[in-house]
Protein backbone atom coordinates (compact mmCIF):
# COMPACT_ATOMS: atom_id res chain seq x y z
CA MET A 1 -0.63 -0.12 0.20
CA GLU A 2 0.99 3.64 -0.68
CA GLN A 3 1.66 5.68 1.93
CA PHE A 4 1.08 9.25 0.90
CA ILE A 5 2.16 11.15 4.68
CA LYS A 6 5.98 9.62 5.92
CA ASN A 7 8.19 10.25 8.36
CA ILE A 8 5.56 9.29 10.88
CA GLU A 9 3.70 6.39 12.64
CA LEU A 10 0.23 5.25 10.71
CA SER A 11 -2.92 4.62 12.66
CA LYS A 12 -0.99 5.88 16.07
CA VAL A 13 -1.60 8.66 18.34
CA LEU A 14 0.90 10.95 18.34
CA ASP A 15 2.24 14.34 20.16
CA LEU A 16 2.91 15.82 16.83
CA GLU A 17 5.51 18.10 19.45
CA SER A 18 8.03 15.69 20.47
CA LEU A 19 8.23 14.54 16.49
CA VAL A 20 11.04 16.79 16.16
CA THR A 21 13.34 17.97 19.22
CA TYR A 22 15.19 21.70 19.63
CA GLN A 23 19.59 21.41 18.80
CA GLU A 24 21.36 24.76 19.97
CA GLY A 25 22.30 26.97 16.80
CA GLN A 26 20.22 24.57 14.73
CA VAL A 27 16.75 24.43 12.94
CA ILE A 28 15.17 21.16 12.27
CA SER A 29 12.80 19.80 10.41
CA ARG A 30 10.93 17.36 9.31
CA THR A 31 8.84 16.63 6.47
CA LEU A 32 5.88 14.63 6.87
CA ALA A 33 5.11 14.87 2.75
CA GLN A 34 5.67 16.67 -0.07
CA GLY A 35 3.47 17.14 -3.19
CA LYS A 36 2.88 19.30 -6.24
CA ASN A 37 -0.07 20.32 -4.69
CA LEU A 38 0.64 19.73 -1.13
CA SER A 39 3.88 19.97 1.79
CA LEU A 40 3.67 19.27 5.18
CA THR A 41 6.77 19.66 7.44
CA LEU A 42 7.43 20.28 10.96
CA PHE A 43 10.23 21.90 12.82
CA ALA A 44 12.01 22.91 15.74
CA PHE A 45 13.87 26.30 15.73
CA ASP A 46 16.32 27.49 18.42
CA LYS A 47 16.54 30.82 19.62
CA GLY A 48 17.61 33.05 17.34
CA GLU A 49 17.44 31.20 14.56
CA GLU A 50 16.16 32.72 11.77
CA ILE A 51 14.22 31.93 8.19
CA SER A 52 15.40 34.38 6.22
CA SER A 53 12.72 36.57 3.63
CA HIS A 54 11.18 34.74 0.18
CA SER A 55 8.50 33.53 -1.04
CA SER A 56 6.39 30.98 -2.56
CA SER A 57 4.15 29.77 -4.58
CA GLY A 58 1.73 28.54 -2.15
CA ASP A 59 -0.47 29.57 0.64
CA ALA A 60 2.09 28.43 3.60
CA MET A 61 0.32 27.95 7.29
CA VAL A 62 2.04 28.03 10.46
CA TYR A 63 0.67 27.05 13.45
CA LEU A 64 2.87 26.72 16.52
CA LEU A 65 3.27 24.10 19.02
CA ASP A 66 6.17 25.14 21.44
CA GLY A 67 7.42 28.29 22.14
CA GLU A 68 7.18 32.47 19.91
CA ALA A 69 8.28 33.57 16.74
CA ASP A 70 8.33 36.05 14.79
CA ILE A 71 6.73 36.02 11.37
CA THR A 72 6.86 38.84 8.73
CA ILE A 73 4.67 39.31 6.25
CA GLY A 74 5.67 42.26 3.80
CA GLU A 75 6.39 45.11 5.80
CA ASP A 76 4.37 44.00 9.01
CA VAL A 77 5.47 41.52 11.94
CA PHE A 78 3.21 39.56 14.07
CA ASN A 79 4.55 37.78 17.08
CA VAL A 80 2.65 34.22 17.30
CA LYS A 81 2.98 32.34 20.29
CA LYS A 82 1.86 28.26 20.98
CA GLY A 83 -1.61 27.69 20.58
CA GLU A 84 -1.81 30.24 17.47
CA THR A 85 -1.52 29.73 13.58
CA ILE A 86 -1.00 33.12 10.89
CA VAL A 87 -1.42 32.13 6.63
CA MET A 88 1.21 33.87 4.83
CA PRO A 89 0.17 34.45 1.55
CA ALA A 90 1.71 33.28 -2.01
CA GLY A 91 3.90 35.56 -3.26
CA ILE A 92 3.86 37.57 -0.35
CA SER A 93 7.70 37.50 1.42
CA HIS A 94 7.65 36.59 4.64
CA ALA A 95 10.39 35.65 7.49
CA LEU A 96 10.65 33.82 10.30
CA LEU A 97 12.49 34.29 13.52
CA ALA A 98 13.18 32.37 16.86
CA LYS A 99 12.20 34.27 19.78
CA GLU A 100 12.83 31.90 22.01
CA GLN A 101 12.65 28.00 20.61
CA PHE A 102 9.51 27.53 18.75
CA LYS A 103 7.91 23.89 17.03
CA MET A 104 6.09 24.58 14.40
CA LEU A 105 4.24 22.63 11.89
CA LEU A 106 4.06 24.52 8.27
CA VAL A 107 1.45 23.93 5.94
CA VAL A 108 1.53 24.66 2.26
CA VAL A 109 -0.81 24.92 -0.14
CA PHE A 110 -0.11 25.16 -4.14
CA LYS A 111 -2.55 25.84 -6.94
CA PRO A 112 -4.14 22.27 -8.40
């Protein structure tokens, strides 16, 4: 049987936050799905780590599983905390900065 979501156990209750771990001075990622129309990736950012400004051809939704981040979309900076989500629209530059260690689930949806 083909598995569409990978790097995660199927048919089992899991704590999503525990599937990525913090590492000093690093951004750790774990890809769960990567396809033409959708990608799902877990990230763990150490404090002070960042992803510099870039844009995507898909809408990117961030859901914070832990910690706190400043997320810049265009010219606006949003402080996002555990349990909160924000969507970074396609074609608009965005960046992420770890105000403290944080973990997130990134869902990117591309045009079908």
